[in-house]
């Protein structure tokens, strides 16, 4: 699962790599990047992330009823990714 290939169309950053069901990408604050998996379906965006050593992980889901508003849906999905980056890779000095 951790043997990856470049996946330029998988995420907007252009640096994502994809394996068997998992993707890896660099993330600010996580020296080794993060492993993640997400999905979208009928107004729902779900994301998960974990550090390479497995010590920190998080999951988020965003629900919307704006089925016809693609721009808003993408903004919500990107917000879920930012939330996970902060939860998994953010500053832990303050608890």
N, C-alpha and C. Protein backbone atom coordinates (compact mmCIF):
# COMPACT_ATOMS: atom_id res chain seq x y z
N UNK A 1 0.81 -1.19 0.00
CA UNK A 1 0.00 0.00 0.00
C UNK A 1 0.86 1.26 0.00
N UNK A 2 2.04 1.16 0.54
CA UNK A 2 2.92 2.33 0.60
C UNK A 2 3.87 2.43 -0.59
N UNK A 3 3.76 1.52 -1.52
CA UNK A 3 4.50 1.66 -2.76
C UNK A 3 3.63 2.53 -3.66
N UNK A 4 4.11 3.72 -3.98
CA UNK A 4 3.26 4.69 -4.66
C UNK A 4 3.82 5.09 -6.02
N UNK A 5 2.96 5.68 -6.80
CA UNK A 5 3.33 6.26 -8.09
C UNK A 5 2.83 7.70 -8.10
N UNK A 6 3.43 8.56 -8.91
CA UNK A 6 2.94 9.93 -9.00
C UNK A 6 1.46 9.95 -9.41
N UNK A 7 0.69 10.83 -8.78
CA UNK A 7 -0.74 10.94 -9.08
C UNK A 7 -1.09 12.41 -9.26
N UNK A 8 -0.64 13.01 -10.36
CA UNK A 8 -0.82 14.45 -10.54
C UNK A 8 -2.28 14.91 -10.57
N UNK A 9 -3.22 14.06 -10.96
CA UNK A 9 -4.62 14.46 -11.00
C UNK A 9 -5.40 14.12 -9.75
N UNK A 10 -4.77 13.51 -8.75
CA UNK A 10 -5.48 13.04 -7.56
C UNK A 10 -5.82 14.18 -6.61
N UNK A 11 -4.96 15.16 -6.50
CA UNK A 11 -5.20 16.30 -5.61
C UNK A 11 -4.68 17.56 -6.30
N UNK A 12 -5.03 18.69 -5.75
CA UNK A 12 -4.68 19.95 -6.40
C UNK A 12 -3.23 20.35 -6.23
N UNK A 13 -2.49 19.72 -5.30
CA UNK A 13 -1.11 20.16 -5.04
C UNK A 13 -0.10 19.66 -6.07
N UNK A 14 -0.44 18.65 -6.85
CA UNK A 14 0.47 18.13 -7.87
C UNK A 14 1.61 17.29 -7.33
N UNK A 15 1.71 17.10 -6.02
CA UNK A 15 2.81 16.32 -5.44
C UNK A 15 2.33 15.02 -4.80
N UNK A 16 1.04 14.74 -4.90
CA UNK A 16 0.46 13.55 -4.30
C UNK A 16 0.96 12.30 -5.01
N UNK A 17 1.14 11.24 -4.23
CA UNK A 17 1.50 9.94 -4.76
C UNK A 17 0.44 8.95 -4.29
N UNK A 18 0.10 7.97 -5.13
CA UNK A 18 -0.99 7.05 -4.81
C UNK A 18 -0.49 5.61 -4.80
N UNK A 19 -0.97 4.84 -3.80
CA UNK A 19 -0.67 3.43 -3.71
C UNK A 19 -1.95 2.63 -3.84
N UNK A 20 -2.03 1.50 -3.21
CA UNK A 20 -3.20 0.65 -3.28
C UNK A 20 -4.20 1.10 -2.21
N UNK A 21 -5.04 2.05 -2.55
CA UNK A 21 -6.06 2.54 -1.62
C UNK A 21 -5.60 3.68 -0.74
N UNK A 22 -4.32 3.99 -0.73
CA UNK A 22 -3.78 5.08 0.09
C UNK A 22 -3.05 6.07 -0.80
N UNK A 23 -3.04 7.31 -0.34
CA UNK A 23 -2.25 8.33 -1.05
C UNK A 23 -1.32 8.97 -0.03
N UNK A 24 -0.20 9.47 -0.50
CA UNK A 24 0.75 10.19 0.33
C UNK A 24 0.95 11.57 -0.27
N UNK A 25 1.09 12.55 0.62
CA UNK A 25 1.43 13.89 0.15
C UNK A 25 2.18 14.63 1.23
N UNK A 26 2.99 15.60 0.82
CA UNK A 26 3.64 16.43 1.83
C UNK A 26 2.59 17.27 2.54
N UNK A 27 2.84 17.57 3.80
CA UNK A 27 1.92 18.42 4.57
C UNK A 27 2.75 19.27 5.52
N UNK A 28 2.45 20.55 5.55
CA UNK A 28 3.19 21.47 6.41
C UNK A 28 3.09 21.03 7.87
N UNK A 29 4.24 20.92 8.52
CA UNK A 29 4.29 20.51 9.91
C UNK A 29 4.52 19.02 10.11
N UNK A 30 4.42 18.23 9.06
CA UNK A 30 4.69 16.78 9.13
C UNK A 30 5.90 16.49 8.25
N UNK A 31 7.03 16.32 8.88
CA UNK A 31 8.27 16.11 8.15
C UNK A 31 8.18 14.98 7.14
N UNK A 32 7.51 13.89 7.50
CA UNK A 32 7.40 12.74 6.61
C UNK A 32 6.14 12.75 5.77
N UNK A 33 5.44 13.89 5.69
CA UNK A 33 4.18 13.95 4.95
C UNK A 33 3.09 13.21 5.68
N UNK A 34 1.98 12.96 5.01
CA UNK A 34 0.88 12.20 5.61
C UNK A 34 0.36 11.17 4.61
N UNK A 35 -0.18 10.10 5.15
CA UNK A 35 -0.91 9.10 4.37
C UNK A 35 -2.37 9.41 4.56
N UNK A 36 -3.15 9.33 3.48
CA UNK A 36 -4.56 9.68 3.61
C UNK A 36 -5.42 8.94 2.59
N UNK A 37 -6.70 9.01 2.85
CA UNK A 37 -7.70 8.45 1.94
C UNK A 37 -8.97 9.27 2.13
N UNK A 38 -9.63 9.55 1.06
CA UNK A 38 -10.86 10.32 1.16
C UNK A 38 -11.83 9.89 0.08
N UNK A 39 -13.00 10.49 0.14
CA UNK A 39 -13.99 10.17 -0.87
C UNK A 39 -15.13 11.16 -0.84
N UNK A 40 -15.90 11.16 -1.90
CA UNK A 40 -17.06 12.03 -1.99
C UNK A 40 -18.23 11.23 -2.53
N UNK A 41 -19.42 11.57 -2.05
CA UNK A 41 -20.62 10.91 -2.54
C UNK A 41 -21.85 11.69 -2.11
N UNK A 42 -22.68 12.05 -3.04
CA UNK A 42 -23.98 12.65 -2.78
C UNK A 42 -23.96 13.71 -1.68
N UNK A 43 -23.14 14.74 -1.84
CA UNK A 43 -23.12 15.84 -0.89
C UNK A 43 -22.28 15.60 0.34
N UNK A 44 -21.43 14.57 0.33
CA UNK A 44 -20.58 14.27 1.47
C UNK A 44 -19.13 14.17 1.01
N UNK A 45 -18.25 14.79 1.77
CA UNK A 45 -16.81 14.64 1.53
C UNK A 45 -16.22 14.09 2.82
N UNK A 46 -15.49 12.99 2.73
CA UNK A 46 -14.85 12.42 3.92
C UNK A 46 -13.35 12.33 3.66
N UNK A 47 -12.58 12.56 4.70
CA UNK A 47 -11.12 12.51 4.60
C UNK A 47 -10.56 11.88 5.87
N UNK A 48 -9.47 11.16 5.72
CA UNK A 48 -8.72 10.63 6.86
C UNK A 48 -7.25 10.92 6.62
N UNK A 49 -6.48 11.01 7.69
CA UNK A 49 -5.04 11.24 7.56
C UNK A 49 -4.31 10.62 8.75
N UNK A 50 -3.08 10.19 8.50
CA UNK A 50 -2.26 9.60 9.57
C UNK A 50 -0.79 9.89 9.27
N UNK A 51 -0.02 10.10 10.33
CA UNK A 51 1.42 10.29 10.17
C UNK A 51 2.05 8.95 9.79
N UNK A 52 3.21 8.97 9.14
CA UNK A 52 3.85 7.72 8.72
C UNK A 52 4.09 6.74 9.86
N UNK A 53 4.34 7.24 11.07
CA UNK A 53 4.58 6.34 12.19
C UNK A 53 3.30 5.88 12.87
N UNK A 54 2.15 6.40 12.43
CA UNK A 54 0.86 5.99 12.99
C UNK A 54 0.52 6.59 14.34
N UNK A 55 1.34 7.49 14.84
CA UNK A 55 1.10 8.05 16.18
C UNK A 55 -0.05 9.04 16.23
N UNK A 56 -0.32 9.72 15.12
CA UNK A 56 -1.38 10.72 15.09
C UNK A 56 -2.27 10.48 13.87
N UNK A 57 -3.57 10.47 14.09
CA UNK A 57 -4.50 10.32 12.98
C UNK A 57 -5.75 11.14 13.25
N UNK A 58 -6.50 11.39 12.21
CA UNK A 58 -7.74 12.14 12.34
C UNK A 58 -8.65 11.81 11.17
N UNK A 59 -9.94 12.07 11.35
CA UNK A 59 -10.92 11.87 10.29
C UNK A 59 -11.89 13.04 10.32
N UNK A 60 -12.40 13.39 9.16
CA UNK A 60 -13.37 14.48 9.07
C UNK A 60 -14.38 14.15 7.98
N UNK A 61 -15.60 14.62 8.17
CA UNK A 61 -16.64 14.48 7.16
C UNK A 61 -17.37 15.81 7.04
N UNK A 62 -17.67 16.18 5.83
CA UNK A 62 -18.39 17.42 5.56
C UNK A 62 -19.67 17.04 4.82
N UNK A 63 -20.78 17.51 5.32
CA UNK A 63 -22.07 17.21 4.70
C UNK A 63 -22.69 18.49 4.16
N UNK A 64 -23.28 18.41 2.99
CA UNK A 64 -23.92 19.56 2.39
C UNK A 64 -25.15 19.13 1.61
N UNK A 65 -26.07 20.04 1.47
CA UNK A 65 -27.24 19.76 0.63
C UNK A 65 -27.18 20.58 -0.65
N UNK A 66 -26.04 21.19 -0.91
CA UNK A 66 -25.88 22.01 -2.12
C UNK A 66 -25.37 21.13 -3.26
N UNK A 67 -26.18 20.22 -3.69
CA UNK A 67 -25.75 19.25 -4.70
C UNK A 67 -25.35 19.90 -6.01
N UNK A 68 -25.98 20.99 -6.41
CA UNK A 68 -25.69 21.61 -7.69
C UNK A 68 -24.60 22.66 -7.64
N UNK A 69 -24.04 22.93 -6.48
CA UNK A 69 -23.04 23.99 -6.33
C UNK A 69 -21.64 23.37 -6.24
N UNK A 70 -21.06 23.06 -7.38
CA UNK A 70 -19.75 22.38 -7.43
C UNK A 70 -18.65 23.20 -6.77
N UNK A 71 -18.66 24.51 -6.97
CA UNK A 71 -17.64 25.38 -6.37
C UNK A 71 -17.69 25.28 -4.85
N UNK A 72 -18.88 25.38 -4.29
CA UNK A 72 -19.04 25.31 -2.83
C UNK A 72 -18.62 23.94 -2.31
N UNK A 73 -18.99 22.88 -3.03
CA UNK A 73 -18.63 21.53 -2.63
C UNK A 73 -17.11 21.37 -2.59
N UNK A 74 -16.39 21.86 -3.61
CA UNK A 74 -14.94 21.76 -3.63
C UNK A 74 -14.31 22.57 -2.50
N UNK A 75 -14.88 23.74 -2.20
CA UNK A 75 -14.37 24.54 -1.08
C UNK A 75 -14.52 23.80 0.24
N UNK A 76 -15.65 23.12 0.42
CA UNK A 76 -15.86 22.36 1.65
C UNK A 76 -14.91 21.17 1.73
N UNK A 77 -14.69 20.49 0.62
CA UNK A 77 -13.77 19.35 0.61
C UNK A 77 -12.35 19.81 0.94
N UNK A 78 -11.93 20.94 0.36
CA UNK A 78 -10.60 21.47 0.64
C UNK A 78 -10.48 21.92 2.10
N UNK A 79 -11.56 22.42 2.67
CA UNK A 79 -11.55 22.81 4.08
C UNK A 79 -11.36 21.58 4.97
N UNK A 80 -11.95 20.46 4.60
CA UNK A 80 -11.77 19.23 5.38
C UNK A 80 -10.31 18.79 5.34
N UNK A 81 -9.66 18.92 4.19
CA UNK A 81 -8.24 18.56 4.07
C UNK A 81 -7.40 19.49 4.95
N UNK A 82 -7.67 20.78 4.93
CA UNK A 82 -6.92 21.73 5.77
C UNK A 82 -7.13 21.43 7.26
N UNK A 83 -8.35 21.07 7.63
CA UNK A 83 -8.65 20.71 9.02
C UNK A 83 -7.80 19.52 9.45
N UNK A 84 -7.72 18.50 8.61
CA UNK A 84 -6.92 17.32 8.96
C UNK A 84 -5.44 17.65 9.03
N UNK A 85 -4.96 18.45 8.09
CA UNK A 85 -3.55 18.85 8.15
C UNK A 85 -3.24 19.50 9.49
N UNK A 86 -4.10 20.38 9.93
CA UNK A 86 -3.89 21.08 11.20
C UNK A 86 -3.98 20.10 12.38
N UNK A 87 -4.96 19.21 12.33
CA UNK A 87 -5.13 18.24 13.43
C UNK A 87 -3.96 17.27 13.51
N UNK A 88 -3.47 16.81 12.38
CA UNK A 88 -2.42 15.79 12.37
C UNK A 88 -1.02 16.41 12.44
N UNK A 89 -0.81 17.54 11.79
CA UNK A 89 0.53 18.10 11.66
C UNK A 89 0.72 19.41 12.42
N UNK A 90 -0.32 19.91 13.05
CA UNK A 90 -0.23 21.21 13.70
C UNK A 90 0.66 21.20 14.93
N UNK A 91 0.85 22.37 15.48
CA UNK A 91 1.69 22.58 16.65
C UNK A 91 1.11 21.87 17.87
N UNK A 92 1.83 20.90 18.42
CA UNK A 92 1.35 20.15 19.59
C UNK A 92 1.98 20.63 20.90
N UNK A 93 2.74 21.67 20.86
CA UNK A 93 3.38 22.17 22.08
C UNK A 93 2.35 22.68 23.08
N UNK A 94 1.20 23.09 22.58
CA UNK A 94 0.18 23.67 23.46
C UNK A 94 -0.96 22.71 23.74
N UNK A 95 -0.72 21.43 23.57
CA UNK A 95 -1.73 20.44 23.90
C UNK A 95 -2.50 20.07 22.72
